[in-house]
């Protein structure tokens, strides 16, 4: 596999890692919406433990991807998390898309597109 193909593959893996992190944020939000009998149950329940496990796995995947992906592309991939969280929040938490959210996502997507036009991203 050529170096360019490796960068493309690990750029996609990086985005999957950001998606995993976004899912874990939704799990934490779902857990925070519940009422618990004690503080211990609030912090040591299955949703919270799974979410933090997912965060940890996401971090390990991201660190490995930096072996192949340019460091300057990392923040661009991470910014996609804002879009993932907004969409997942809409689907699973029934959160509304406000005008400010939509404008923010459009600005993010334009920034990602502009960055990729500079040749930093493999798409």
PDB file of N, CA and C in Angstrom:
ATOM      1  N   UNK A   1       0.853  -1.173   0.000  1.00  0.00           N
ATOM      2  CA  UNK A   1       0.000   0.000   0.000  1.00  0.00           C
ATOM      3  C   UNK A   1       0.900   1.237   0.000  1.00  0.00           C
ATOM      4  N   UNK A   2       0.573   2.178  -0.858  1.00  0.00           N
ATOM      5  CA  UNK A   2       1.389   3.384  -0.949  1.00  0.00           C
ATOM      6  C   UNK A   2       1.133   4.288   0.252  1.00  0.00           C
ATOM      7  N   UNK A   3       2.015   5.242   0.435  1.00  0.00           N
ATOM      8  CA  UNK A   3       1.893   6.179   1.543  1.00  0.00           C
ATOM      9  C   UNK A   3       0.603   6.997   1.428  1.00  0.00           C
ATOM     10  N   UNK A   4       0.266   7.384   0.201  1.00  0.00           N
ATOM     11  CA  UNK A   4      -0.955   8.167  -0.026  1.00  0.00           C
ATOM     12  C   UNK A   4      -2.205   7.365   0.348  1.00  0.00           C
ATOM     13  N   UNK A   5      -2.208   6.083   0.017  1.00  0.00           N
ATOM     14  CA  UNK A   5      -3.339   5.228   0.381  1.00  0.00           C
ATOM     15  C   UNK A   5      -3.436   5.041   1.889  1.00  0.00           C
ATOM     16  N   UNK A   6      -2.284   4.907   2.550  1.00  0.00           N
ATOM     17  CA  UNK A   6      -2.275   4.791   4.006  1.00  0.00           C
ATOM     18  C   UNK A   6      -2.851   6.031   4.665  1.00  0.00           C
ATOM     19  N   UNK A   7      -2.491   7.198   4.149  1.00  0.00           N
ATOM     20  CA  UNK A   7      -3.018   8.452   4.694  1.00  0.00           C
ATOM     21  C   UNK A   7      -4.525   8.500   4.513  1.00  0.00           C
ATOM     22  N   UNK A   8      -5.020   8.080   3.366  1.00  0.00           N
ATOM     23  CA  UNK A   8      -6.461   8.074   3.119  1.00  0.00           C
ATOM     24  C   UNK A   8      -7.178   7.120   4.063  1.00  0.00           C
ATOM     25  N   UNK A   9      -6.644   5.920   4.213  1.00  0.00           N
ATOM     26  CA  UNK A   9      -7.267   4.928   5.098  1.00  0.00           C
ATOM     27  C   UNK A   9      -7.290   5.438   6.533  1.00  0.00           C
ATOM     28  N   UNK A  10      -6.161   5.951   7.014  1.00  0.00           N
ATOM     29  CA  UNK A  10      -6.105   6.388   8.400  1.00  0.00           C
ATOM     30  C   UNK A  10      -6.821   7.721   8.626  1.00  0.00           C
ATOM     31  N   UNK A  11      -7.040   8.485   7.574  1.00  0.00           N
ATOM     32  CA  UNK A  11      -7.902   9.661   7.710  1.00  0.00           C
ATOM     33  C   UNK A  11      -9.340   9.221   7.965  1.00  0.00           C
ATOM     34  N   UNK A  12      -9.766   8.190   7.275  1.00  0.00           N
ATOM     35  CA  UNK A  12     -11.116   7.644   7.499  1.00  0.00           C
ATOM     36  C   UNK A  12     -11.223   7.012   8.887  1.00  0.00           C
ATOM     37  N   UNK A  13     -10.175   6.305   9.305  1.00  0.00           N
ATOM     38  CA  UNK A  13     -10.168   5.715  10.648  1.00  0.00           C
ATOM     39  C   UNK A  13     -10.223   6.824  11.696  1.00  0.00           C
ATOM     40  N   UNK A  14      -9.533   7.930  11.444  1.00  0.00           N
ATOM     41  CA  UNK A  14      -9.556   9.073  12.352  1.00  0.00           C
ATOM     42  C   UNK A  14     -10.987   9.598  12.491  1.00  0.00           C
ATOM     43  N   UNK A  15     -11.691   9.714  11.359  1.00  0.00           N
ATOM     44  CA  UNK A  15     -13.086  10.181  11.404  1.00  0.00           C
ATOM     45  C   UNK A  15     -13.983   9.201  12.153  1.00  0.00           C
ATOM     46  N   UNK A  16     -13.730   7.907  12.021  1.00  0.00           N
ATOM     47  CA  UNK A  16     -14.483   6.910  12.783  1.00  0.00           C
ATOM     48  C   UNK A  16     -14.221   7.097  14.273  1.00  0.00           C
ATOM     49  N   UNK A  17     -12.991   7.395  14.622  1.00  0.00           N
ATOM     50  CA  UNK A  17     -12.639   7.652  16.019  1.00  0.00           C
ATOM     51  C   UNK A  17     -13.393   8.866  16.563  1.00  0.00           C
ATOM     52  N   UNK A  18     -13.490   9.902  15.761  1.00  0.00           N
ATOM     53  CA  UNK A  18     -14.248  11.096  16.167  1.00  0.00           C
ATOM     54  C   UNK A  18     -15.728  10.742  16.331  1.00  0.00           C
ATOM     55  N   UNK A  19     -16.241   9.898  15.450  1.00  0.00           N
ATOM     56  CA  UNK A  19     -17.641   9.461  15.565  1.00  0.00           C
ATOM     57  C   UNK A  19     -17.858   8.665  16.849  1.00  0.00           C
ATOM     58  N   UNK A  20     -16.920   7.778  17.191  1.00  0.00           N
ATOM     59  CA  UNK A  20     -17.015   7.004  18.434  1.00  0.00           C
ATOM     60  C   UNK A  20     -17.052   7.944  19.629  1.00  0.00           C
ATOM     61  N   UNK A  21     -16.200   8.954  19.613  1.00  0.00           N
ATOM     62  CA  UNK A  21     -16.177   9.940  20.694  1.00  0.00           C
ATOM     63  C   UNK A  21     -17.512  10.686  20.778  1.00  0.00           C
ATOM     64  N   UNK A  22     -18.100  10.988  19.639  1.00  0.00           N
ATOM     65  CA  UNK A  22     -19.399  11.681  19.608  1.00  0.00           C
ATOM     66  C   UNK A  22     -20.505  10.810  20.176  1.00  0.00           C
ATOM     67  N   UNK A  23     -20.485   9.534  19.846  1.00  0.00           N
ATOM     68  CA  UNK A  23     -21.481   8.604  20.398  1.00  0.00           C
ATOM     69  C   UNK A  23     -21.341   8.534  21.913  1.00  0.00           C
ATOM     70  N   UNK A  24     -20.105   8.510  22.399  1.00  0.00           N
ATOM     71  CA  UNK A  24     -19.910   8.448  23.850  1.00  0.00           C
ATOM     72  C   UNK A  24     -20.424   9.714  24.536  1.00  0.00           C
ATOM     73  N   UNK A  25     -20.319  10.848  23.870  1.00  0.00           N
ATOM     74  CA  UNK A  25     -20.878  12.078  24.436  1.00  0.00           C
ATOM     75  C   UNK A  25     -22.395  11.998  24.547  1.00  0.00           C
ATOM     76  N   UNK A  26     -23.028  11.389  23.563  1.00  0.00           N
ATOM     77  CA  UNK A  26     -24.485  11.216  23.609  1.00  0.00           C
ATOM     78  C   UNK A  26     -24.865  10.275  24.753  1.00  0.00           C
ATOM     79  N   UNK A  27     -24.076   9.213  24.952  1.00  0.00           N
ATOM     80  CA  UNK A  27     -24.342   8.299  26.062  1.00  0.00           C
ATOM     81  C   UNK A  27     -24.232   9.022  27.407  1.00  0.00           C
ATOM     82  N   UNK A  28     -23.230   9.878  27.548  1.00  0.00           N
ATOM     83  CA  UNK A  28     -23.081  10.632  28.790  1.00  0.00           C
ATOM     84  C   UNK A  28     -24.262  11.576  29.003  1.00  0.00           C
ATOM     85  N   UNK A  29     -24.739  12.185  27.937  1.00  0.00           N
ATOM     86  CA  UNK A  29     -25.897  13.081  28.036  1.00  0.00           C
ATOM     87  C   UNK A  29     -27.143  12.297  28.435  1.00  0.00           C
ATOM     88  N   UNK A  30     -27.328  11.109  27.846  1.00  0.00           N
ATOM     89  CA  UNK A  30     -28.465  10.256  28.210  1.00  0.00           C
ATOM     90  C   UNK A  30     -28.395   9.889  29.692  1.00  0.00           C
ATOM     91  N   UNK A  31     -27.209   9.567  30.171  1.00  0.00           N
ATOM     92  CA  UNK A  31     -27.025   9.208  31.569  1.00  0.00           C
ATOM     93  C   UNK A  31     -27.295  10.396  32.486  1.00  0.00           C
ATOM     94  N   UNK A  32     -26.892  11.585  32.057  1.00  0.00           N
ATOM     95  CA  UNK A  32     -27.094  12.784  32.879  1.00  0.00           C
ATOM     96  C   UNK A  32     -28.566  13.157  33.000  1.00  0.00           C
ATOM     97  N   UNK A  33     -29.378  12.722  32.050  1.00  0.00           N
ATOM     98  CA  UNK A  33     -30.809  13.043  32.080  1.00  0.00           C
ATOM     99  C   UNK A  33     -31.590  12.181  33.068  1.00  0.00           C
ATOM    100  N   UNK A  34     -30.949  11.142  33.600  1.00  0.00           N
ATOM    101  CA  UNK A  34     -31.631  10.236  34.523  1.00  0.00           C
ATOM    102  C   UNK A  34     -31.420  10.690  35.970  1.00  0.00           C
ATOM    103  N   UNK A  35     -32.345  10.291  36.831  1.00  0.00           N
ATOM    104  CA  UNK A  35     -32.237  10.554  38.267  1.00  0.00           C
ATOM    105  C   UNK A  35     -31.725   9.280  38.939  1.00  0.00           C
ATOM    106  N   UNK A  36     -30.725   9.427  39.804  1.00  0.00           N
ATOM    107  CA  UNK A  36     -30.124   8.284  40.478  1.00  0.00           C
ATOM    108  C   UNK A  36     -30.315   8.388  41.987  1.00  0.00           C
ATOM    109  N   UNK A  37     -30.298   7.224  42.648  1.00  0.00           N
ATOM    110  CA  UNK A  37     -30.483   7.155  44.095  1.00  0.00           C
ATOM    111  C   UNK A  37     -29.307   7.746  44.862  1.00  0.00           C
ATOM    112  N   UNK A  38     -28.105   7.595  44.328  1.00  0.00           N
ATOM    113  CA  UNK A  38     -26.911   8.066  45.028  1.00  0.00           C
ATOM    114  C   UNK A  38     -25.898   8.606  44.027  1.00  0.00           C
ATOM    115  N   UNK A  39     -24.912   9.326  44.566  1.00  0.00           N
ATOM    116  CA  UNK A  39     -23.849   9.874  43.715  1.00  0.00           C
ATOM    117  C   UNK A  39     -23.015   8.768  43.081  1.00  0.00           C
ATOM    118  N   UNK A  40     -22.826   7.675  43.808  1.00  0.00           N
ATOM    119  CA  UNK A  40     -22.050   6.543  43.269  1.00  0.00           C
ATOM    120  C   UNK A  40     -22.742   5.974  42.037  1.00  0.00           C
ATOM    121  N   UNK A  41     -24.047   5.771  42.112  1.00  0.00           N
ATOM    122  CA  UNK A  41     -24.791   5.239  40.966  1.00  0.00           C
ATOM    123  C   UNK A  41     -24.819   6.238  39.811  1.00  0.00           C
ATOM    124  N   UNK A  42     -24.728   7.514  40.136  1.00  0.00           N
ATOM    125  CA  UNK A  42     -24.721   8.542  39.101  1.00  0.00           C
ATOM    126  C   UNK A  42     -23.454   8.467  38.257  1.00  0.00           C
ATOM    127  N   UNK A  43     -22.343   8.144  38.904  1.00  0.00           N
ATOM    128  CA  UNK A  43     -21.063   8.121  38.204  1.00  0.00           C
ATOM    129  C   UNK A  43     -20.593   6.719  37.819  1.00  0.00           C
ATOM    130  N   UNK A  44     -21.132   5.711  38.456  1.00  0.00           N
ATOM    131  CA  UNK A  44     -20.729   4.334  38.151  1.00  0.00           C
ATOM    132  C   UNK A  44     -21.929   3.521  37.687  1.00  0.00           C
ATOM    133  N   UNK A  45     -22.473   3.927  36.554  1.00  0.00           N
ATOM    134  CA  UNK A  45     -23.552   3.154  35.945  1.00  0.00           C
ATOM    135  C   UNK A  45     -23.095   2.709  34.561  1.00  0.00           C
ATOM    136  N   UNK A  46     -23.775   1.732  33.982  1.00  0.00           N
ATOM    137  CA  UNK A  46     -23.305   1.170  32.699  1.00  0.00           C
ATOM    138  C   UNK A  46     -23.114   2.203  31.586  1.00  0.00           C
ATOM    139  N   UNK A  47     -24.015   3.173  31.447  1.00  0.00           N
ATOM    140  CA  UNK A  47     -23.877   4.162  30.370  1.00  0.00           C
ATOM    141  C   UNK A  47     -22.600   4.984  30.532  1.00  0.00           C
ATOM    142  N   UNK A  48     -22.325   5.412  31.754  1.00  0.00           N
ATOM    143  CA  UNK A  48     -21.134   6.228  31.996  1.00  0.00           C
ATOM    144  C   UNK A  48     -19.870   5.400  31.779  1.00  0.00           C
ATOM    145  N   UNK A  49     -19.849   4.182  32.285  1.00  0.00           N
ATOM    146  CA  UNK A  49     -18.663   3.339  32.125  1.00  0.00           C
ATOM    147  C   UNK A  49     -18.402   3.002  30.660  1.00  0.00           C
ATOM    148  N   UNK A  50     -19.468   2.698  29.929  1.00  0.00           N
ATOM    149  CA  UNK A  50     -19.315   2.411  28.488  1.00  0.00           C
ATOM    150  C   UNK A  50     -18.837   3.660  27.753  1.00  0.00           C
ATOM    151  N   UNK A  51     -19.413   4.810  28.090  1.00  0.00           N
ATOM    152  CA  UNK A  51     -19.029   6.061  27.421  1.00  0.00           C
ATOM    153  C   UNK A  51     -17.555   6.377  27.647  1.00  0.00           C
ATOM    154  N   UNK A  52     -17.090   6.241  28.885  1.00  0.00           N
ATOM    155  CA  UNK A  52     -15.680   6.528  29.141  1.00  0.00           C
ATOM    156  C   UNK A  52     -14.765   5.474  28.509  1.00  0.00           C
ATOM    157  N   UNK A  53     -15.229   4.242  28.431  1.00  0.00           N
ATOM    158  CA  UNK A  53     -14.471   3.225  27.706  1.00  0.00           C
ATOM    159  C   UNK A  53     -14.352   3.575  26.222  1.00  0.00           C
ATOM    160  N   UNK A  54     -15.448   4.086  25.661  1.00  0.00           N
ATOM    161  CA  UNK A  54     -15.427   4.501  24.254  1.00  0.00           C
ATOM    162  C   UNK A  54     -14.491   5.694  24.051  1.00  0.00           C
ATOM    163  N   UNK A  55     -14.530   6.660  24.996  1.00  0.00           N
ATOM    164  CA  UNK A  55     -13.604   7.801  24.920  1.00  0.00           C
ATOM    165  C   UNK A  55     -12.153   7.313  24.906  1.00  0.00           C
ATOM    166  N   UNK A  56     -11.851   6.368  25.781  1.00  0.00           N
ATOM    167  CA  UNK A  56     -10.489   5.845  25.873  1.00  0.00           C
ATOM    168  C   UNK A  56     -10.080   5.162  24.566  1.00  0.00           C
ATOM    169  N   UNK A  57     -10.955   4.324  24.029  1.00  0.00           N
ATOM    170  CA  UNK A  57     -10.656   3.648  22.757  1.00  0.00           C
ATOM    171  C   UNK A  57     -10.482   4.665  21.628  1.00  0.00           C
ATOM    172  N   UNK A  58     -11.339   5.681  21.616  1.00  0.00           N
ATOM    173  CA  UNK A  58     -11.239   6.733  20.609  1.00  0.00           C
ATOM    174  C   UNK A  58      -9.900   7.446  20.695  1.00  0.00           C
ATOM    175  N   UNK A  59      -9.454   7.718  21.912  1.00  0.00           N
ATOM    176  CA  UNK A  59      -8.171   8.387  22.093  1.00  0.00           C
ATOM    177  C   UNK A  59      -7.022   7.519  21.575  1.00  0.00           C
ATOM    178  N   UNK A  60      -7.063   6.219  21.870  1.00  0.00           N
ATOM    179  CA  UNK A  60      -6.006   5.324  21.387  1.00  0.00           C
ATOM    180  C   UNK A  60      -5.989   5.256  19.859  1.00  0.00           C
ATOM    181  N   UNK A  61      -7.167   5.163  19.257  1.00  0.00           N
ATOM    182  CA  UNK A  61      -7.258   5.126  17.791  1.00  0.00           C
ATOM    183  C   UNK A  61      -6.712   6.413  17.197  1.00  0.00           C
ATOM    184  N   UNK A  62      -7.096   7.541  17.785  1.00  0.00           N
ATOM    185  CA  UNK A  62      -6.636   8.840  17.289  1.00  0.00           C
ATOM    186  C   UNK A  62      -5.117   8.956  17.372  1.00  0.00           C
ATOM    187  N   UNK A  63      -4.554   8.546  18.494  1.00  0.00           N
ATOM    188  CA  UNK A  63      -3.098   8.625  18.650  1.00  0.00           C
ATOM    189  C   UNK A  63      -2.383   7.750  17.618  1.00  0.00           C
ATOM    190  N   UNK A  64      -2.930   6.583  17.334  1.00  0.00           N
ATOM    191  CA  UNK A  64      -2.323   5.719  16.323  1.00  0.00           C
ATOM    192  C   UNK A  64      -2.428   6.347  14.931  1.00  0.00           C
ATOM    193  N   UNK A  65      -3.570   6.973  14.651  1.00  0.00           N
ATOM    194  CA  UNK A  65      -3.758   7.590  13.334  1.00  0.00           C
ATOM    195  C   UNK A  65      -2.751   8.707  13.071  1.00  0.00           C
ATOM    196  N   UNK A  66      -2.298   9.371  14.140  1.00  0.00           N
ATOM    197  CA  UNK A  66      -1.321  10.442  13.963  1.00  0.00           C
ATOM    198  C   UNK A  66       0.011   9.933  13.426  1.00  0.00           C
ATOM    199  N   UNK A  67       0.236   8.625  13.411  1.00  0.00           N
ATOM    200  CA  UNK A  67       1.438   8.084  12.783  1.00  0.00           C
ATOM    201  C   UNK A  67       1.392   8.270  11.266  1.00  0.00           C
ATOM    202  N   UNK A  68       0.186   8.361  10.725  1.00  0.00           N
ATOM    203  CA  UNK A  68       0.012   8.410   9.276  1.00  0.00           C
ATOM    204  C   UNK A  68      -0.595   9.720   8.773  1.00  0.00           C
ATOM    205  N   UNK A  69      -1.337  10.390   9.621  1.00  0.00           N
ATOM    206  CA  UNK A  69      -2.049  11.608   9.224  1.00  0.00           C
ATOM    207  C   UNK A  69      -1.258  12.816   9.703  1.00  0.00           C
ATOM    208  N   UNK A  70      -1.195  13.843   8.872  1.00  0.00           N
ATOM    209  CA  UNK A  70      -0.496  15.075   9.225  1.00  0.00           C
ATOM    210  C   UNK A  70      -1.133  15.703  10.469  1.00  0.00           C
ATOM    211  N   UNK A  71      -0.301  16.156  11.373  1.00  0.00           N
ATOM    212  CA  UNK A  71      -0.786  16.733  12.638  1.00  0.00           C
ATOM    213  C   UNK A  71      -1.698  17.927  12.377  1.00  0.00           C
ATOM    214  N   UNK A  72      -1.447  18.684  11.335  1.00  0.00           N
ATOM    215  CA  UNK A  72      -2.280  19.858  11.046  1.00  0.00           C
ATOM    216  C   UNK A  72      -3.688  19.464  10.605  1.00  0.00           C
ATOM    217  N   UNK A  73      -3.891  18.221  10.187  1.00  0.00           N
ATOM    218  CA  UNK A  73      -5.221  17.774   9.777  1.00  0.00           C
ATOM    219  C   UNK A  73      -6.062  17.326  10.980  1.00  0.00           C
ATOM    220  N   UNK A  74      -5.423  17.026  12.106  1.00  0.00           N
ATOM    221  CA  UNK A  74      -6.126  16.541  13.288  1.00  0.00           C
ATOM    222  C   UNK A  74      -7.260  17.438  13.754  1.00  0.00           C
ATOM    223  N   UNK A  75      -7.004  18.725  13.962  1.00  0.00           N
ATOM    224  CA  UNK A  75      -8.104  19.597  14.407  1.00  0.00           C
ATOM    225  C   UNK A  75      -9.259  19.677  13.411  1.00  0.00           C
ATOM    226  N   UNK A  76      -8.964  19.509  12.150  1.00  0.00           N
ATOM    227  CA  UNK A  76     -10.019  19.518  11.141  1.00  0.00           C
ATOM    228  C   UNK A  76     -10.908  18.296  11.319  1.00  0.00           C
ATOM    229  N   UNK A  77     -10.293  17.135  11.496  1.00  0.00           N
ATOM    230  CA  UNK A  77     -11.084  15.923  11.726  1.00  0.00           C
ATOM    231  C   UNK A  77     -11.865  16.031  13.028  1.00  0.00           C
ATOM    232  N   UNK A  78     -11.234  16.554  14.066  1.00  0.00           N
ATOM    233  CA  UNK A  78     -11.908  16.688  15.360  1.00  0.00           C
ATOM    234  C   UNK A  78     -13.110  17.635  15.277  1.00  0.00           C
ATOM    235  N   UNK A  79     -13.039  18.644  14.424  1.00  0.00           N
ATOM    236  CA  UNK A  79     -14.164  19.584  14.303  1.00  0.00           C
ATOM    237  C   UNK A  79     -15.402  18.909  13.720  1.00  0.00           C
ATOM    238  N   UNK A  80     -15.211  17.801  13.016  1.00  0.00           N
ATOM    239  CA  UNK A  80     -16.365  17.052  12.508  1.00  0.00           C
ATOM    240  C   UNK A  80     -17.200  16.503  13.659  1.00  0.00           C
ATOM    241  N   UNK A  81     -16.597  16.369  14.838  1.00  0.00           N
ATOM    242  CA  UNK A  81     -17.321  15.902  16.014  1.00  0.00           C
ATOM    243  C   UNK A  81     -18.492  16.803  16.374  1.00  0.00           C
ATOM    244  N   UNK A  82     -18.353  18.106  16.150  1.00  0.00           N
ATOM    245  CA  UNK A  82     -19.461  19.029  16.424  1.00  0.00           C
ATOM    246  C   UNK A  82     -20.671  18.694  15.553  1.00  0.00           C
ATOM    247  N   UNK A  83     -20.405  18.342  14.320  1.00  0.00           N
ATOM    248  CA  UNK A  83     -21.488  17.981  13.407  1.00  0.00           C
ATOM    249  C   UNK A  83     -22.086  16.647  13.823  1.00  0.00           C
ATOM    250  N   UNK A  84     -21.234  15.671  14.133  1.00  0.00           N
ATOM    251  CA  UNK A  84     -21.729  14.361  14.574  1.00  0.00           C
ATOM    252  C   UNK A  84     -22.610  14.484  15.820  1.00  0.00           C
ATOM    253  N   UNK A  85     -22.150  15.259  16.801  1.00  0.00           N
ATOM    254  CA  UNK A  85     -22.908  15.405  18.047  1.00  0.00           C
ATOM    255  C   UNK A  85     -24.252  16.083  17.784  1.00  0.00           C
ATOM    256  N   UNK A  86     -24.270  17.087  16.940  1.00  0.00           N
ATOM    257  CA  UNK A  86     -25.531  17.772  16.633  1.00  0.00           C
ATOM    258  C   UNK A  86     -26.520  16.831  15.953  1.00  0.00           C
ATOM    259  N   UNK A  87     -26.045  16.049  15.000  1.00  0.00           N
ATOM    260  CA  UNK A  87     -26.924  15.119  14.291  1.00  0.00           C
ATOM    261  C   UNK A  87     -27.387  13.994  15.217  1.00  0.00           C
ATOM    262  N   UNK A  88     -26.460  13.437  15.998  1.00  0.00           N
ATOM    263  CA  UNK A  88     -26.839  12.374  16.934  1.00  0.00           C
ATOM    264  C   UNK A  88     -27.790  12.900  18.014  1.00  0.00           C
ATOM    265  N   UNK A  89     -27.572  14.126  18.460  1.00  0.00           N
ATOM    266  CA  UNK A  89     -28.479  14.743  19.434  1.00  0.00           C
ATOM    267  C   UNK A  89     -29.873  14.921  18.863  1.00  0.00           C
ATOM    268  N   UNK A  90     -29.936  15.268  17.602  1.00  0.00           N
ATOM    269  CA  UNK A  90     -31.230  15.405  16.937  1.00  0.00           C
ATOM    270  C   UNK A  90     -31.947  14.057  16.854  1.00  0.00           C
ATOM    271  N   UNK A  91     -31.191  13.020  16.508  1.00  0.00           N
ATOM    272  CA  UNK A  91     -31.784  11.691  16.319  1.00  0.00           C
ATOM    273  C   UNK A  91     -32.171  11.046  17.646  1.00  0.00           C
ATOM    274  N   UNK A  92     -31.251  11.041  18.613  1.00  0.00           N
ATOM    275  CA  UNK A  92     -31.465  10.259  19.834  1.00  0.00           C
ATOM    276  C   UNK A  92     -31.981  11.067  21.023  1.00  0.00           C
ATOM    277  N   UNK A  93     -31.694  12.355  21.043  1.00  0.00           N
ATOM    278  CA  UNK A  93     -32.115  13.170  22.177  1.00  0.00           C
ATOM    279  C   UNK A  93     -33.254  14.122  21.832  1.00  0.00           C
ATOM    280  N   UNK A  94     -33.676  14.079  20.575  1.00  0.00           N
ATOM    281  CA  UNK A  94     -34.761  14.935  20.096  1.00  0.00           C
ATOM    282  C   UNK A  94     -34.450  16.424  20.278  1.00  0.00           C
ATOM    283  N   UNK A  95     -33.169  16.784  20.154  1.00  0.00           N
ATOM    284  CA  UNK A  95     -32.772  18.182  20.229  1.00  0.00           C
ATOM    285  C   UNK A  95     -33.099  18.859  18.908  1.00  0.00           C
ATOM    286  N   UNK A  96     -33.397  20.122  18.968  1.00  0.00           N
ATOM    287  CA  UNK A  96     -33.781  20.887  17.775  1.00  0.00           C
ATOM    288  C   UNK A  96     -32.539  21.487  17.111  1.00  0.00           C
ATOM    289  N   UNK A  97     -32.627  21.632  15.804  1.00  0.00           N
ATOM    290  CA  UNK A  97     -31.611  22.371  15.065  1.00  0.00           C
ATOM    291  C   UNK A  97     -32.035  23.835  15.074  1.00  0.00           C
ATOM    292  N   UNK A  98     -31.239  24.676  15.720  1.00  0.00           N
ATOM    293  CA  UNK A  98     -31.516  26.107  15.706  1.00  0.00           C
ATOM    294  C   UNK A  98     -30.793  26.732  14.521  1.00  0.00           C
ATOM    295  N   UNK A  99     -31.131  27.956  14.232  1.00  0.00           N
ATOM    296  CA  UNK A  99     -30.477  28.668  13.135  1.00  0.00           C
ATOM    297  C   UNK A  99     -28.982  28.790  13.427  1.00  0.00           C
ATOM    298  N   UNK A 100     -28.636  29.075  14.682  1.00  0.00           N
ATOM    299  CA  UNK A 100     -27.218  29.207  15.042  1.00  0.00           C
ATOM    300  C   UNK A 100     -26.471  27.889  14.851  1.00  0.00           C
ATOM    301  N   UNK A 101     -27.098  26.767  15.207  1.00  0.00           N
ATOM    302  CA  UNK A 101     -26.459  25.462  15.012  1.00  0.00           C
ATOM    303  C   UNK A 101     -26.223  25.192  13.537  1.00  0.00           C
ATOM    304  N   UNK A 102     -27.207  25.463  12.727  1.00  0.00           N
ATOM    305  CA  UNK A 102     -27.093  25.205  11.286  1.00  0.00           C
ATOM    306  C   UNK A 102     -26.014  26.088  10.679  1.00  0.00           C
ATOM    307  N   UNK A 103     -25.994  27.360  11.053  1.00  0.00           N
ATOM    308  CA  UNK A 103     -24.961  28.270  10.543  1.00  0.00           C
ATOM    309  C   UNK A 103     -23.581  27.790  10.989  1.00  0.00           C
ATOM    310  N   UNK A 104     -23.473  27.367  12.256  1.00  0.00           N
ATOM    311  CA  UNK A 104     -22.198  26.858  12.759  1.00  0.00           C
ATOM    312  C   UNK A 104     -21.734  25.633  11.999  1.00  0.00           C
ATOM    313  N   UNK A 105     -22.659  24.709  11.697  1.00  0.00           N
ATOM    314  CA  UNK A 105     -22.281  23.507  10.944  1.00  0.00           C
ATOM    315  C   UNK A 105     -21.886  23.853   9.516  1.00  0.00           C
ATOM    316  N   UNK A 106     -22.558  24.814   8.918  1.00  0.00           N
ATOM    317  CA  UNK A 106     -22.191  25.235   7.562  1.00  0.00           C
ATOM    318  C   UNK A 106     -20.793  25.846   7.561  1.00  0.00           C
ATOM    319  N   UNK A 107     -20.501  26.685   8.560  1.00  0.00           N
ATOM    320  CA  UNK A 107     -19.166  27.287   8.662  1.00  0.00           C
ATOM    321  C   UNK A 107     -18.108  26.195   8.846  1.00  0.00           C
ATOM    322  N   UNK A 108     -18.401  25.202   9.702  1.00  0.00           N
ATOM    323  CA  UNK A 108     -17.465  24.094   9.895  1.00  0.00           C
ATOM    324  C   UNK A 108     -17.226  23.335   8.601  1.00  0.00           C
ATOM    325  N   UNK A 109     -18.294  23.013   7.884  1.00  0.00           N
ATOM    326  CA  UNK A 109     -18.131  22.266   6.635  1.00  0.00           C
ATOM    327  C   UNK A 109     -17.375  23.087   5.595  1.00  0.00           C
ATOM    328  N   UNK A 110     -17.615  24.390   5.552  1.00  0.00           N
ATOM    329  CA  UNK A 110     -16.857  25.243   4.631  1.00  0.00           C
ATOM    330  C   UNK A 110     -15.381  25.267   5.011  1.00  0.00           C
ATOM    331  N   UNK A 111     -15.092  25.320   6.309  1.00  0.00           N
ATOM    332  CA  UNK A 111     -13.705  25.292   6.767  1.00  0.00           C
ATOM    333  C   UNK A 111     -13.015  23.993   6.407  1.00  0.00           C
ATOM    334  N   UNK A 112     -13.726  22.880   6.584  1.00  0.00           N
ATOM    335  CA  UNK A 112     -13.160  21.575   6.223  1.00  0.00           C
ATOM    336  C   UNK A 112     -12.910  21.520   4.711  1.00  0.00           C
ATOM    337  N   UNK A 113     -13.860  22.008   3.920  1.00  0.00           N
ATOM    338  CA  UNK A 113     -13.696  22.013   2.463  1.00  0.00           C
ATOM    339  C   UNK A 113     -12.525  22.909   2.050  1.00  0.00           C
ATOM    340  N   UNK A 114     -12.417  24.070   2.668  1.00  0.00           N
ATOM    341  CA  UNK A 114     -11.328  24.993   2.350  1.00  0.00           C
ATOM    342  C   UNK A 114      -9.979  24.378   2.713  1.00  0.00           C
ATOM    343  N   UNK A 115      -9.911  23.719   3.850  1.00  0.00           N
ATOM    344  CA  UNK A 115      -8.680  23.061   4.277  1.00  0.00           C
ATOM    345  C   UNK A 115      -8.300  21.953   3.305  1.00  0.00           C
ATOM    346  N   UNK A 116      -9.296  21.191   2.854  1.00  0.00           N
ATOM    347  CA  UNK A 116      -9.006  20.077   1.939  1.00  0.00           C
ATOM    348  C   UNK A 116      -8.568  20.598   0.568  1.00  0.00           C
ATOM    349  N   UNK A 117      -9.039  21.777   0.159  1.00  0.00           N
ATOM    350  CA  UNK A 117      -8.605  22.356  -1.120  1.00  0.00           C
ATOM    351  C   UNK A 117      -7.120  22.720  -1.083  1.00  0.00           C
ATOM    352  N   UNK A 118      -6.602  22.974   0.117  1.00  0.00           N
ATOM    353  CA  UNK A 118      -5.205  23.293   0.263  1.00  0.00           C
ATOM    354  C   UNK A 118      -4.290  22.090   0.136  1.00  0.00           C
ATOM    355  N   UNK A 119      -4.895  20.912  -0.056  1.00  0.00           N
ATOM    356  CA  UNK A 119      -4.113  19.698  -0.262  1.00  0.00           C
ATOM    357  C   UNK A 119      -3.712  18.988   1.015  1.00  0.00           C
ATOM    358  N   UNK A 120      -4.286  19.398   2.155  1.00  0.00           N
ATOM    359  CA  UNK A 120      -3.914  18.763   3.409  1.00  0.00           C
ATOM    360  C   UNK A 120      -4.684  17.485   3.677  1.00  0.00           C
ATOM    361  N   UNK A 121      -5.866  17.385   3.133  1.00  0.00           N
ATOM    362  CA  UNK A 121      -6.666  16.197   3.331  1.00  0.00           C
ATOM    363  C   UNK A 121      -6.639  15.347   2.076  1.00  0.00           C
ATOM    364  N   UNK A 122      -6.749  14.041   2.242  1.00  0.00           N
ATOM    365  CA  UNK A 122      -6.611  13.157   1.075  1.00  0.00           C
ATOM    366  C   UNK A 122      -7.873  13.001   0.243  1.00  0.00           C
ATOM    367  N   UNK A 123      -8.920  13.785   0.470  1.00  0.00           N
ATOM    368  CA  UNK A 123     -10.132  13.609  -0.342  1.00  0.00           C
ATOM    369  C   UNK A 123     -10.194  14.653  -1.425  1.00  0.00           C
TER     370      UNK A 123
END
